Amino acid sequence: MSPRTLPAAVLMPEYEALLRDGAELPLVISGESMLPFLRPGRDTVFLKRPDAPLQRGEIAFYRRFDGSYILHRVYRAEPGRYWFLGDAQVRVEGPLPAQCVFAHVTAVRRGERLIRPKHLFWRFFAGPWMNLVRLRLRILKVYRWFYHPMKENGE
């Protein structure tokens, strides 16, 4: 049986309630804002309600004021508010109140492999990658050229 896709308006209120009750839930990635760390349709993140304030580099699941659900890294954290940045982005979003965050990522499933925050790949994106904001567009252009060579070359 193949997985079902549900609209965020249906799924997310249920996820929020379960997360508030302490559940840890899987969610398949659908957007490209966290490339190259997370690839849509391939990677599954595991979400859990944070039990402490989030730190720079952690991946947060939050809801914007317009109701959209976003999965990005914490770029900057201050008491009661956060700034966010997707791994494939150069524009920082924020500040948003801490109440907007209802989950953080505890692990990523990539195929049969489970990647946790201590993994070298994860630590690279939570650390050095966060400092390469000005170079990201160039780096990502090369990444996309290798990742989607036929698309980029017009074939």
Protein backbone atom coordinates (compact mmCIF):
# COMPACT_ATOMS: atom_id res chain seq x y z
CA MET A 1 0.00 0.00 0.00
CA SER A 2 1.41 3.41 -0.97
CA PRO A 3 1.34 6.36 1.45
CA ARG A 4 -1.54 8.83 1.24
CA THR A 5 -0.99 12.54 0.84
CA LEU A 6 -3.27 14.73 2.92
CA PRO A 7 -3.67 18.50 2.73
CA ALA A 8 -1.82 20.37 5.48
CA ALA A 9 -5.11 21.89 6.67
CA VAL A 10 -6.34 18.38 7.50
CA LEU A 11 -3.14 16.75 8.76
CA MET A 12 -1.39 19.48 10.73
CA PRO A 13 -4.03 20.20 13.40
CA GLU A 14 -3.93 16.47 14.22
CA TYR A 15 -0.13 16.48 14.26
CA GLU A 16 -0.06 19.51 16.55
CA ALA A 17 -2.44 17.83 19.01
CA LEU A 18 -0.45 14.57 19.03
CA LEU A 19 2.84 16.46 19.44
CA ARG A 20 1.40 18.42 22.38
CA ASP A 21 0.58 15.04 23.95
CA GLY A 22 4.23 13.97 23.66
CA ALA A 23 4.16 11.86 20.49
CA GLU A 24 7.07 11.64 18.07
CA LEU A 25 5.72 11.64 14.50
CA PRO A 26 7.14 11.06 11.01
CA LEU A 27 6.60 13.52 8.18
CA VAL A 28 7.75 13.13 4.57
CA ILE A 29 9.46 16.26 3.25
CA SER A 30 7.60 18.01 0.43
CA GLY A 31 9.41 21.31 -0.24
CA GLU A 32 12.89 22.15 -1.51
CA SER A 33 13.84 24.87 0.99
CA MET A 34 15.97 22.43 3.02
CA LEU A 35 18.05 21.11 0.11
CA PRO A 36 20.65 19.73 0.03
CA PHE A 37 20.27 18.32 3.56
CA LEU A 38 16.67 17.17 3.06
CA ARG A 39 15.33 16.04 -0.28
CA PRO A 40 11.55 16.20 -0.94
CA GLY A 41 9.80 12.88 -1.46
CA ARG A 42 12.86 10.94 -0.31
CA ASP A 43 13.46 12.00 3.28
CA THR A 44 11.26 11.61 6.32
CA VAL A 45 11.77 13.73 9.42
CA PHE A 46 10.74 12.74 12.92
CA LEU A 47 9.08 15.54 14.85
CA LYS A 48 8.75 16.00 18.59
CA ARG A 49 7.63 18.85 20.80
CA PRO A 50 10.72 20.68 22.10
CA ASP A 51 11.32 20.34 25.83
CA ALA A 52 13.76 23.29 25.95
CA PRO A 53 14.37 26.46 23.93
CA LEU A 54 15.80 25.67 20.50
CA GLN A 55 19.38 26.53 19.62
CA ARG A 56 21.00 27.82 16.43
CA GLY A 57 21.19 25.05 13.82
CA GLU A 58 18.29 22.99 15.15
CA ILE A 59 15.50 22.23 12.67
CA ALA A 60 12.17 23.63 13.79
CA PHE A 61 8.66 22.95 12.50
CA TYR A 62 6.60 26.10 12.90
CA ARG A 63 3.51 27.85 11.65
CA ARG A 64 3.67 31.29 10.09
CA PHE A 65 1.07 33.94 10.82
CA ASP A 66 -0.54 33.18 7.44
CA GLY A 67 -1.13 29.56 8.59
CA SER A 68 1.54 27.89 6.43
CA TYR A 69 3.70 25.19 7.98
CA ILE A 70 7.46 25.51 7.56
CA LEU A 71 10.46 23.34 8.38
CA HIS A 72 13.65 25.45 8.66
CA ARG A 73 16.70 25.78 10.83
CA VAL A 74 16.94 28.19 13.71
CA TYR A 75 19.31 30.87 12.46
CA ARG A 76 19.18 33.01 15.59
CA ALA A 77 17.55 32.45 18.97
CA GLU A 78 16.72 34.94 21.68
CA PRO A 79 14.46 34.46 24.68
CA GLY A 80 10.90 34.18 23.34
CA ARG A 81 11.71 34.59 19.64
CA TYR A 82 13.46 32.96 16.70
CA TRP A 83 14.81 33.74 13.25
CA PHE A 84 14.71 30.93 10.66
CA LEU A 85 16.55 30.02 7.48
CA GLY A 86 16.07 27.10 5.09
CA ASP A 87 19.26 25.33 3.98
CA ALA A 88 18.57 26.35 0.36
CA GLN A 89 17.77 29.96 1.23
CA VAL A 90 19.67 33.19 1.80
CA ARG A 91 16.90 35.31 3.32
CA VAL A 92 16.40 35.03 7.09
CA GLU A 93 12.81 35.04 8.36
CA GLY A 94 11.96 36.55 11.70
CA PRO A 95 11.72 37.33 14.40
CA LEU A 96 8.80 35.03 15.11
CA PRO A 97 7.51 34.36 18.62
CA ALA A 98 8.55 31.07 20.20
CA GLN A 99 4.85 30.07 20.32
CA CYS A 100 4.94 29.58 16.53
CA VAL A 101 7.24 26.56 16.99
CA PHE A 102 5.43 23.36 17.82
CA ALA A 103 8.05 20.74 16.96
CA HIS A 104 11.70 20.14 16.20
CA VAL A 105 13.37 17.41 14.17
CA THR A 106 14.91 14.60 16.21
CA ALA A 107 16.02 12.36 13.31
CA VAL A 108 15.88 11.98 9.52
CA ARG A 109 15.19 8.75 7.66
CA ARG A 110 16.94 8.57 4.32
CA GLY A 111 16.14 5.21 2.76
CA GLU A 112 17.01 2.64 5.41
CA ARG A 113 19.44 4.98 7.20
CA LEU A 114 18.50 7.00 10.27
CA ILE A 115 20.46 10.25 10.67
CA ARG A 116 20.53 11.97 14.05
CA PRO A 117 21.86 15.40 15.14
CA LYS A 118 25.29 14.01 16.12
CA HIS A 119 25.89 12.72 12.56
CA LEU A 120 28.69 14.58 10.72
CA PHE A 121 26.44 15.47 7.76
CA TRP A 122 23.79 16.94 10.10
CA ARG A 123 26.44 18.85 12.08
CA PHE A 124 27.86 20.36 8.88
CA PHE A 125 24.48 21.87 7.95
CA ALA A 126 23.77 22.97 11.53
CA GLY A 127 27.21 24.58 11.83
CA PRO A 128 29.45 25.66 8.94
CA TRP A 129 26.60 25.78 6.39
CA MET A 130 24.83 28.36 8.57
CA ASN A 131 27.85 30.65 8.12
CA LEU A 132 27.93 30.32 4.32
CA VAL A 133 24.76 32.32 3.64
CA ARG A 134 26.48 34.65 1.16
CA LEU A 135 27.96 31.75 -0.82
CA ARG A 136 24.93 29.45 -0.75
CA LEU A 137 23.44 30.46 -4.08
CA ARG A 138 26.68 29.66 -5.90
CA ILE A 139 27.16 26.38 -4.02
CA LEU A 140 23.55 25.35 -4.62
CA LYS A 141 23.82 26.15 -8.32
CA VAL A 142 26.68 23.65 -8.60
CA TYR A 143 24.75 21.14 -6.47
CA ARG A 144 21.68 21.43 -8.70
CA TRP A 145 23.83 21.10 -11.81
CA PHE A 146 25.07 17.72 -10.53
CA TYR A 147 21.76 16.69 -8.92
CA HIS A 148 19.58 17.67 -11.93
CA PRO A 149 22.06 17.68 -14.85
CA MET A 150 19.43 17.12 -17.57
CA LYS A 151 17.09 19.77 -16.18
CA GLU A 152 19.82 22.41 -15.87
CA ASN A 153 21.34 21.66 -19.28
CA GLY A 154 17.98 21.92 -21.05
CA GLU A 155 17.80 18.24 -22.02
